Amino acid sequence: MTDLSSLPASRDAEAADRSYIGLAREIHAMVAAGAFEAGARLPSERSLADQFGVSRTQVREAIIALEVQGVVEVRVGSGIYVSAADAARPVTFEVPRGPGPIETLRARGLIEAEVAALAATERKDADLDRLFFSLTTMREQMNDKAAYDTADRQFHLRIAESTGNTVLLHMVTAMWDCARSDPLWDKIEEHFHSTALREASQEDHQRIFAAIMARDANGARDAMRAHLSRVIAEFTQAWR
């Protein structure tokens, strides 16, 4: 394993581009320059975060971006390894379009929590019927990820619809569509999404629904915030 302490710093810490894209670009350049040979294990997330002065979440997103481009391979329970050279691998790092998946989830946590609170005060009985249908569909499709994901999206959009505010509905829809069209999202789900995660999310959804049904705005806000915080925690758990 390459000792990062022996590598020259390529930028001043205070002037560093601290986004995951900047970090991914630097790691890609190091691999291209031969700092890490094919098959070599990269330093841990903590080491990379300390070296580049970024958060471990940014390291996670950078590694996912590099994996999508075939630069590294993540072996959950083992570590992050440099992939064998491939003619299809881009010579330079190709900047992903749009925000990273964790960035999107954090935005959703802020916005959808308030949307849920407003839905609790504005919802109609017909809204509850639609929410309950989505909730039931998720339960029935627990072992079918594609069908579950469709019902999951519908549940969150139904909450936004319950506010009666089309701007909020458009915002929530845009955030969902942004994430689901992102290959980084697909890759991070490949590593961390599981039936157990869907089951935990279903319990979260039940609490959100119960608060909206009870017209408990604070409860709905807290339940939605806790739900998305838990998903972020699942998706940012450390690779061994």
C-alpha atoms as a PDB file:
ATOM      1  CA  MET A   1       0.000   0.000   0.000  1.00  0.00           C
ATOM      2  CA  THR A   2       1.252   3.463  -0.877  1.00  0.00           C
ATOM      3  CA  ASP A   3       2.037   5.679   2.084  1.00  0.00           C
ATOM      4  CA  LEU A   4       0.140   8.890   1.460  1.00  0.00           C
ATOM      5  CA  SER A   5       2.413  10.815   3.781  1.00  0.00           C
ATOM      6  CA  SER A   6       5.213  10.384   1.264  1.00  0.00           C
ATOM      7  CA  LEU A   7       3.208  11.924  -1.549  1.00  0.00           C
ATOM      8  CA  PRO A   8       3.538  15.640  -2.263  1.00  0.00           C
ATOM      9  CA  ALA A   9       0.516  17.748  -1.447  1.00  0.00           C
ATOM     10  CA  SER A  10      -0.987  18.865  -4.735  1.00  0.00           C
ATOM     11  CA  ARG A  11      -2.887  21.833  -3.332  1.00  0.00           C
ATOM     12  CA  ASP A  12      -2.991  24.120  -0.336  1.00  0.00           C
ATOM     13  CA  ALA A  13      -5.398  22.843   2.299  1.00  0.00           C
ATOM     14  CA  GLU A  14      -7.115  26.200   2.694  1.00  0.00           C
ATOM     15  CA  ALA A  15      -7.619  26.620  -1.053  1.00  0.00           C
ATOM     16  CA  ALA A  16      -8.630  23.007  -1.653  1.00  0.00           C
ATOM     17  CA  ASP A  17     -11.631  22.074  -3.714  1.00  0.00           C
ATOM     18  CA  ARG A  18     -13.408  20.169  -0.970  1.00  0.00           C
ATOM     19  CA  SER A  19     -16.152  18.667  -3.132  1.00  0.00           C
ATOM     20  CA  TYR A  20     -16.135  14.959  -3.838  1.00  0.00           C
ATOM     21  CA  ILE A  21     -15.506  15.785  -7.505  1.00  0.00           C
ATOM     22  CA  GLY A  22     -12.240  17.550  -6.680  1.00  0.00           C
ATOM     23  CA  LEU A  23     -11.139  14.603  -4.575  1.00  0.00           C
ATOM     24  CA  ALA A  24     -12.090  12.060  -7.236  1.00  0.00           C
ATOM     25  CA  ARG A  25     -10.129  14.029  -9.807  1.00  0.00           C
ATOM     26  CA  GLU A  26      -7.018  13.977  -7.600  1.00  0.00           C
ATOM     27  CA  ILE A  27      -7.202  10.261  -6.842  1.00  0.00           C
ATOM     28  CA  HIS A  28      -7.738   9.552 -10.536  1.00  0.00           C
ATOM     29  CA  ALA A  29      -4.637  11.588 -11.374  1.00  0.00           C
ATOM     30  CA  MET A  30      -2.602   9.694  -8.772  1.00  0.00           C
ATOM     31  CA  VAL A  31      -3.697   6.354 -10.233  1.00  0.00           C
ATOM     32  CA  ALA A  32      -2.894   7.557 -13.763  1.00  0.00           C
ATOM     33  CA  ALA A  33       0.538   8.709 -12.580  1.00  0.00           C
ATOM     34  CA  GLY A  34       1.303   5.283 -11.127  1.00  0.00           C
ATOM     35  CA  ALA A  35       1.111   6.192  -7.442  1.00  0.00           C
ATOM     36  CA  PHE A  36      -1.114   3.131  -7.030  1.00  0.00           C
ATOM     37  CA  GLU A  37      -0.552   0.034  -9.161  1.00  0.00           C
ATOM     38  CA  ALA A  38      -3.344  -2.118 -10.568  1.00  0.00           C
ATOM     39  CA  GLY A  39      -4.642  -4.415  -7.840  1.00  0.00           C
ATOM     40  CA  ALA A  40      -3.226  -2.258  -5.049  1.00  0.00           C
ATOM     41  CA  ARG A  41      -5.438  -1.514  -2.102  1.00  0.00           C
ATOM     42  CA  LEU A  42      -6.060   2.176  -1.505  1.00  0.00           C
ATOM     43  CA  PRO A  43      -5.660   3.675   1.978  1.00  0.00           C
ATOM     44  CA  SER A  44      -8.705   3.634   4.228  1.00  0.00           C
ATOM     45  CA  GLU A  45     -11.463   6.220   3.999  1.00  0.00           C
ATOM     46  CA  ARG A  46     -10.174   7.810   7.193  1.00  0.00           C
ATOM     47  CA  SER A  47      -6.642   8.100   5.783  1.00  0.00           C
ATOM     48  CA  LEU A  48      -7.889   9.638   2.552  1.00  0.00           C
ATOM     49  CA  ALA A  49     -10.117  12.074   4.445  1.00  0.00           C
ATOM     50  CA  ASP A  50      -7.224  13.160   6.666  1.00  0.00           C
ATOM     51  CA  GLN A  51      -4.788  13.483   3.770  1.00  0.00           C
ATOM     52  CA  PHE A  52      -7.067  15.649   1.638  1.00  0.00           C
ATOM     53  CA  GLY A  53      -8.837  17.546   4.414  1.00  0.00           C
ATOM     54  CA  VAL A  54     -12.325  16.366   3.447  1.00  0.00           C
ATOM     55  CA  SER A  55     -15.098  14.448   5.159  1.00  0.00           C
ATOM     56  CA  ARG A  56     -15.404  10.683   4.955  1.00  0.00           C
ATOM     57  CA  THR A  57     -18.728  11.215   3.186  1.00  0.00           C
ATOM     58  CA  GLN A  58     -16.917  13.089   0.422  1.00  0.00           C
ATOM     59  CA  VAL A  59     -14.407  10.240   0.219  1.00  0.00           C
ATOM     60  CA  ARG A  60     -17.322   7.818  -0.139  1.00  0.00           C
ATOM     61  CA  GLU A  61     -18.846   9.768  -3.023  1.00  0.00           C
ATOM     62  CA  ALA A  62     -15.463  10.209  -4.714  1.00  0.00           C
ATOM     63  CA  ILE A  63     -14.767   6.481  -4.567  1.00  0.00           C
ATOM     64  CA  ILE A  64     -18.218   5.689  -5.938  1.00  0.00           C
ATOM     65  CA  ALA A  65     -17.625   8.123  -8.820  1.00  0.00           C
ATOM     66  CA  LEU A  66     -14.285   6.462  -9.560  1.00  0.00           C
ATOM     67  CA  GLU A  67     -15.849   3.009  -9.409  1.00  0.00           C
ATOM     68  CA  VAL A  68     -18.521   4.030 -11.934  1.00  0.00           C
ATOM     69  CA  GLN A  69     -15.690   5.045 -14.280  1.00  0.00           C
ATOM     70  CA  GLY A  70     -13.831   1.772 -13.783  1.00  0.00           C
ATOM     71  CA  VAL A  71     -10.861   3.247 -11.919  1.00  0.00           C
ATOM     72  CA  VAL A  72     -11.344   1.391  -8.639  1.00  0.00           C
ATOM     73  CA  GLU A  73     -13.233  -1.606  -7.348  1.00  0.00           C
ATOM     74  CA  VAL A  74     -14.963  -1.614  -3.979  1.00  0.00           C
ATOM     75  CA  ARG A  75     -15.007  -4.925  -2.150  1.00  0.00           C
ATOM     76  CA  VAL A  76     -17.282  -4.498   0.828  1.00  0.00           C
ATOM     77  CA  GLY A  77     -15.655  -6.067   3.857  1.00  0.00           C
ATOM     78  CA  SER A  78     -12.207  -5.861   2.265  1.00  0.00           C
ATOM     79  CA  GLY A  79     -11.433  -2.413   0.925  1.00  0.00           C
ATOM     80  CA  ILE A  80     -10.945  -0.293  -2.182  1.00  0.00           C
ATOM     81  CA  TYR A  81      -8.654  -1.574  -4.934  1.00  0.00           C
ATOM     82  CA  VAL A  82      -7.251  -0.074  -8.120  1.00  0.00           C
ATOM     83  CA  SER A  83      -8.806  -1.746 -11.147  1.00  0.00           C
ATOM     84  CA  ALA A  84      -6.703  -3.257 -13.908  1.00  0.00           C
ATOM     85  CA  ALA A  85      -6.005  -0.883 -16.785  1.00  0.00           C
ATOM     86  CA  ASP A  86      -8.746  -0.902 -19.389  1.00  0.00           C
ATOM     87  CA  ALA A  87      -8.906   0.782 -22.774  1.00  0.00           C
ATOM     88  CA  ALA A  88     -12.431   1.946 -21.940  1.00  0.00           C
ATOM     89  CA  ARG A  89     -11.253   3.812 -18.846  1.00  0.00           C
ATOM     90  CA  PRO A  90     -11.251   7.598 -19.377  1.00  0.00           C
ATOM     91  CA  VAL A  91      -7.777   9.158 -19.465  1.00  0.00           C
ATOM     92  CA  THR A  92      -8.945  11.990 -17.236  1.00  0.00           C
ATOM     93  CA  PHE A  93     -11.681  12.057 -14.659  1.00  0.00           C
ATOM     94  CA  GLU A  94     -15.078  12.691 -16.212  1.00  0.00           C
ATOM     95  CA  VAL A  95     -17.033  15.035 -13.977  1.00  0.00           C
ATOM     96  CA  PRO A  96     -20.466  13.585 -13.111  1.00  0.00           C
ATOM     97  CA  ARG A  97     -23.441  15.743 -13.938  1.00  0.00           C
ATOM     98  CA  GLY A  98     -25.522  17.000 -11.052  1.00  0.00           C
ATOM     99  CA  PRO A  99     -25.050  16.696  -7.282  1.00  0.00           C
ATOM    100  CA  GLY A 100     -23.796  13.615  -5.494  1.00  0.00           C
ATOM    101  CA  PRO A 101     -26.256  11.147  -3.931  1.00  0.00           C
ATOM    102  CA  ILE A 102     -25.472  12.135  -0.332  1.00  0.00           C
ATOM    103  CA  GLU A 103     -25.812  15.821  -1.194  1.00  0.00           C
ATOM    104  CA  THR A 104     -29.233  15.084  -2.659  1.00  0.00           C
ATOM    105  CA  LEU A 105     -30.288  13.055   0.380  1.00  0.00           C
ATOM    106  CA  ARG A 106     -29.291  15.883   2.707  1.00  0.00           C
ATOM    107  CA  ALA A 107     -31.304  18.367   0.665  1.00  0.00           C
ATOM    108  CA  ARG A 108     -34.239  16.002   0.807  1.00  0.00           C
ATOM    109  CA  GLY A 109     -33.876  15.788   4.586  1.00  0.00           C
ATOM    110  CA  LEU A 110     -34.242  19.556   4.894  1.00  0.00           C
ATOM    111  CA  ILE A 111     -37.053  20.014   2.387  1.00  0.00           C
ATOM    112  CA  GLU A 112     -39.105  16.848   2.801  1.00  0.00           C
ATOM    113  CA  ALA A 113     -39.173  17.211   6.583  1.00  0.00           C
ATOM    114  CA  GLU A 114     -40.981  20.537   6.214  1.00  0.00           C
ATOM    115  CA  VAL A 115     -43.143  19.144   3.432  1.00  0.00           C
ATOM    116  CA  ALA A 116     -44.263  16.331   5.742  1.00  0.00           C
ATOM    117  CA  ALA A 117     -45.053  18.849   8.482  1.00  0.00           C
ATOM    118  CA  LEU A 118     -47.190  20.905   6.109  1.00  0.00           C
ATOM    119  CA  ALA A 119     -48.882  17.792   4.764  1.00  0.00           C
ATOM    120  CA  ALA A 120     -49.940  16.894   8.310  1.00  0.00           C
ATOM    121  CA  THR A 121     -51.894  20.149   8.595  1.00  0.00           C
ATOM    122  CA  GLU A 122     -53.222  20.357   5.025  1.00  0.00           C
ATOM    123  CA  ARG A 123     -53.971  16.752   4.080  1.00  0.00           C
ATOM    124  CA  LYS A 124     -57.464  15.568   3.143  1.00  0.00           C
ATOM    125  CA  ASP A 125     -58.965  12.152   3.747  1.00  0.00           C
ATOM    126  CA  ALA A 126     -58.409  11.307   0.078  1.00  0.00           C
ATOM    127  CA  ASP A 127     -54.694  12.024   0.563  1.00  0.00           C
ATOM    128  CA  LEU A 128     -54.570   9.501   3.396  1.00  0.00           C
ATOM    129  CA  ASP A 129     -56.152   6.889   1.139  1.00  0.00           C
ATOM    130  CA  ARG A 130     -53.469   7.431  -1.504  1.00  0.00           C
ATOM    131  CA  LEU A 131     -50.676   7.374   1.079  1.00  0.00           C
ATOM    132  CA  PHE A 132     -52.014   4.183   2.609  1.00  0.00           C
ATOM    133  CA  PHE A 133     -52.149   2.546  -0.829  1.00  0.00           C
ATOM    134  CA  SER A 134     -48.453   3.378  -1.404  1.00  0.00           C
ATOM    135  CA  LEU A 135     -47.563   2.177   2.087  1.00  0.00           C
ATOM    136  CA  THR A 136     -49.382  -1.122   1.523  1.00  0.00           C
ATOM    137  CA  THR A 137     -47.763  -1.593  -1.890  1.00  0.00           C
ATOM    138  CA  MET A 138     -44.316  -1.171  -0.369  1.00  0.00           C
ATOM    139  CA  ARG A 139     -45.103  -3.799   2.234  1.00  0.00           C
ATOM    140  CA  GLU A 140     -46.351  -6.217  -0.421  1.00  0.00           C
ATOM    141  CA  GLN A 141     -43.333  -5.635  -2.677  1.00  0.00           C
ATOM    142  CA  MET A 142     -40.664  -5.903   0.007  1.00  0.00           C
ATOM    143  CA  ASN A 143     -38.769  -8.591  -1.909  1.00  0.00           C
ATOM    144  CA  ASP A 144     -39.057  -6.896  -5.302  1.00  0.00           C
ATOM    145  CA  LYS A 145     -36.667  -3.946  -5.254  1.00  0.00           C
ATOM    146  CA  ALA A 146     -37.875  -2.338  -8.484  1.00  0.00           C
ATOM    147  CA  ALA A 147     -41.538  -2.483  -7.473  1.00  0.00           C
ATOM    148  CA  TYR A 148     -40.693  -1.317  -3.953  1.00  0.00           C
ATOM    149  CA  ASP A 149     -38.705   1.640  -5.279  1.00  0.00           C
ATOM    150  CA  THR A 150     -41.635   2.717  -7.450  1.00  0.00           C
ATOM    151  CA  ALA A 151     -43.998   2.645  -4.484  1.00  0.00           C
ATOM    152  CA  ASP A 152     -41.400   4.384  -2.292  1.00  0.00           C
ATOM    153  CA  ARG A 153     -41.139   7.281  -4.747  1.00  0.00           C
ATOM    154  CA  GLN A 154     -44.917   7.434  -5.008  1.00  0.00           C
ATOM    155  CA  PHE A 155     -45.287   7.594  -1.216  1.00  0.00           C
ATOM    156  CA  HIS A 156     -42.961  10.584  -0.933  1.00  0.00           C
ATOM    157  CA  LEU A 157     -44.600  12.379  -3.849  1.00  0.00           C
ATOM    158  CA  ARG A 158     -48.037  11.728  -2.370  1.00  0.00           C
ATOM    159  CA  ILE A 159     -46.903  13.469   0.798  1.00  0.00           C
ATOM    160  CA  ALA A 160     -45.870  16.491  -1.266  1.00  0.00           C
ATOM    161  CA  GLU A 161     -49.209  16.401  -3.103  1.00  0.00           C
ATOM    162  CA  SER A 162     -50.975  16.444   0.267  1.00  0.00           C
ATOM    163  CA  THR A 163     -49.620  19.932   0.939  1.00  0.00           C
ATOM    164  CA  GLY A 164     -51.669  21.339  -1.934  1.00  0.00           C
ATOM    165  CA  ASN A 165     -48.561  23.271  -3.013  1.00  0.00           C
ATOM    166  CA  THR A 166     -47.476  22.485  -6.585  1.00  0.00           C
ATOM    167  CA  VAL A 167     -44.097  24.187  -6.135  1.00  0.00           C
ATOM    168  CA  LEU A 168     -43.227  21.815  -3.294  1.00  0.00           C
ATOM    169  CA  LEU A 169     -44.425  18.866  -5.359  1.00  0.00           C
ATOM    170  CA  HIS A 170     -42.182  19.919  -8.252  1.00  0.00           C
ATOM    171  CA  MET A 171     -39.219  20.325  -5.886  1.00  0.00           C
ATOM    172  CA  VAL A 172     -39.624  16.886  -4.317  1.00  0.00           C
ATOM    173  CA  THR A 173     -40.167  15.283  -7.728  1.00  0.00           C
ATOM    174  CA  ALA A 174     -37.018  16.948  -9.087  1.00  0.00           C
ATOM    175  CA  MET A 175     -34.894  15.709  -6.180  1.00  0.00           C
ATOM    176  CA  TRP A 176     -36.139  12.143  -6.613  1.00  0.00           C
ATOM    177  CA  ASP A 177     -35.618  12.180 -10.359  1.00  0.00           C
ATOM    178  CA  CYS A 178     -32.156  13.707  -9.946  1.00  0.00           C
ATOM    179  CA  ALA A 179     -31.069  10.852  -7.690  1.00  0.00           C
ATOM    180  CA  ARG A 180     -32.683   8.002  -9.606  1.00  0.00           C
ATOM    181  CA  SER A 181     -31.125   9.052 -12.924  1.00  0.00           C
ATOM    182  CA  ASP A 182     -27.634   9.191 -11.417  1.00  0.00           C
ATOM    183  CA  PRO A 183     -25.297   6.184 -11.988  1.00  0.00           C
ATOM    184  CA  LEU A 184     -23.612   7.080  -8.675  1.00  0.00           C
ATOM    185  CA  TRP A 185     -26.906   6.434  -6.921  1.00  0.00           C
ATOM    186  CA  ASP A 186     -27.223   3.053  -8.625  1.00  0.00           C
ATOM    187  CA  LYS A 187     -23.713   2.103  -7.553  1.00  0.00           C
ATOM    188  CA  ILE A 188     -24.106   3.153  -3.922  1.00  0.00           C
ATOM    189  CA  GLU A 189     -27.383   1.219  -3.735  1.00  0.00           C
ATOM    190  CA  GLU A 190     -25.645  -1.798  -5.234  1.00  0.00           C
ATOM    191  CA  HIS A 191     -23.293  -1.819  -2.255  1.00  0.00           C
ATOM    192  CA  PHE A 192     -25.626  -0.908   0.575  1.00  0.00           C
ATOM    193  CA  HIS A 193     -29.285  -1.369  -0.330  1.00  0.00           C
ATOM    194  CA  SER A 194     -30.812  -4.531   1.091  1.00  0.00           C
ATOM    195  CA  THR A 195     -34.072  -6.088   2.188  1.00  0.00           C
ATOM    196  CA  ALA A 196     -33.149  -5.146   5.761  1.00  0.00           C
ATOM    197  CA  LEU A 197     -32.819  -1.501   4.714  1.00  0.00           C
ATOM    198  CA  ARG A 198     -36.223  -1.637   3.002  1.00  0.00           C
ATOM    199  CA  GLU A 199     -37.760  -3.134   6.131  1.00  0.00           C
ATOM    200  CA  ALA A 200     -36.293  -0.351   8.282  1.00  0.00           C
ATOM    201  CA  SER A 201     -37.528   2.239   5.782  1.00  0.00           C
ATOM    202  CA  GLN A 202     -40.988   0.690   5.904  1.00  0.00           C
ATOM    203  CA  GLU A 203     -41.104   1.233   9.661  1.00  0.00           C
ATOM    204  CA  ASP A 204     -40.016   4.846   9.089  1.00  0.00           C
ATOM    205  CA  HIS A 205     -42.758   5.308   6.505  1.00  0.00           C
ATOM    206  CA  GLN A 206     -45.328   3.923   8.909  1.00  0.00           C
ATOM    207  CA  ARG A 207     -44.331   6.515  11.524  1.00  0.00           C
ATOM    208  CA  ILE A 208     -44.489   9.302   8.947  1.00  0.00           C
ATOM    209  CA  PHE A 209     -47.935   8.174   7.838  1.00  0.00           C
ATOM    210  CA  ALA A 210     -49.216   7.907  11.415  1.00  0.00           C
ATOM    211  CA  ALA A 211     -48.093  11.460  12.195  1.00  0.00           C
ATOM    212  CA  ILE A 212     -49.697  12.859   9.044  1.00  0.00           C
ATOM    213  CA  MET A 213     -52.915  10.975   9.801  1.00  0.00           C
ATOM    214  CA  ALA A 214     -52.906  12.426  13.346  1.00  0.00           C
ATOM    215  CA  ARG A 215     -52.259  15.944  11.968  1.00  0.00           C
ATOM    216  CA  ASP A 216     -49.089  15.998  14.067  1.00  0.00           C
ATOM    217  CA  ALA A 217     -46.860  18.414  12.159  1.00  0.00           C
ATOM    218  CA  ASN A 218     -43.911  18.154  14.539  1.00  0.00           C
ATOM    219  CA  GLY A 219     -44.133  14.381  14.587  1.00  0.00           C
ATOM    220  CA  ALA A 220     -44.255  14.202  10.789  1.00  0.00           C
ATOM    221  CA  ARG A 221     -41.265  16.521  10.487  1.00  0.00           C
ATOM    222  CA  ASP A 222     -39.224  14.540  12.995  1.00  0.00           C
ATOM    223  CA  ALA A 223     -40.182  11.188  11.465  1.00  0.00           C
ATOM    224  CA  MET A 224     -39.200  12.262   7.944  1.00  0.00           C
ATOM    225  CA  ARG A 225     -35.939  13.788   9.150  1.00  0.00           C
ATOM    226  CA  ALA A 226     -35.084  10.630  11.100  1.00  0.00           C
ATOM    227  CA  HIS A 227     -35.924   8.467   8.076  1.00  0.00           C
ATOM    228  CA  LEU A 228     -33.600  10.278   5.686  1.00  0.00           C
ATOM    229  CA  SER A 229     -30.859  10.614   8.313  1.00  0.00           C
ATOM    230  CA  ARG A 230     -30.943   6.853   8.762  1.00  0.00           C
ATOM    231  CA  VAL A 231     -30.705   6.260   5.005  1.00  0.00           C
ATOM    232  CA  ILE A 232     -27.679   8.575   4.845  1.00  0.00           C
ATOM    233  CA  ALA A 233     -26.085   6.691   7.746  1.00  0.00           C
ATOM    234  CA  GLU A 234     -26.642   3.385   5.944  1.00  0.00           C
ATOM    235  CA  PHE A 235     -25.126   4.706   2.728  1.00  0.00           C
ATOM    236  CA  THR A 236     -22.091   6.206   4.459  1.00  0.00           C
ATOM    237  CA  GLN A 237     -21.141   3.285   6.677  1.00  0.00           C
ATOM    238  CA  ALA A 238     -17.449   2.584   6.476  1.00  0.00           C
ATOM    239  CA  TRP A 239     -15.993   0.087   4.052  1.00  0.00           C
ATOM    240  CA  ARG A 240     -13.615  -2.294   5.804  1.00  0.00           C
END
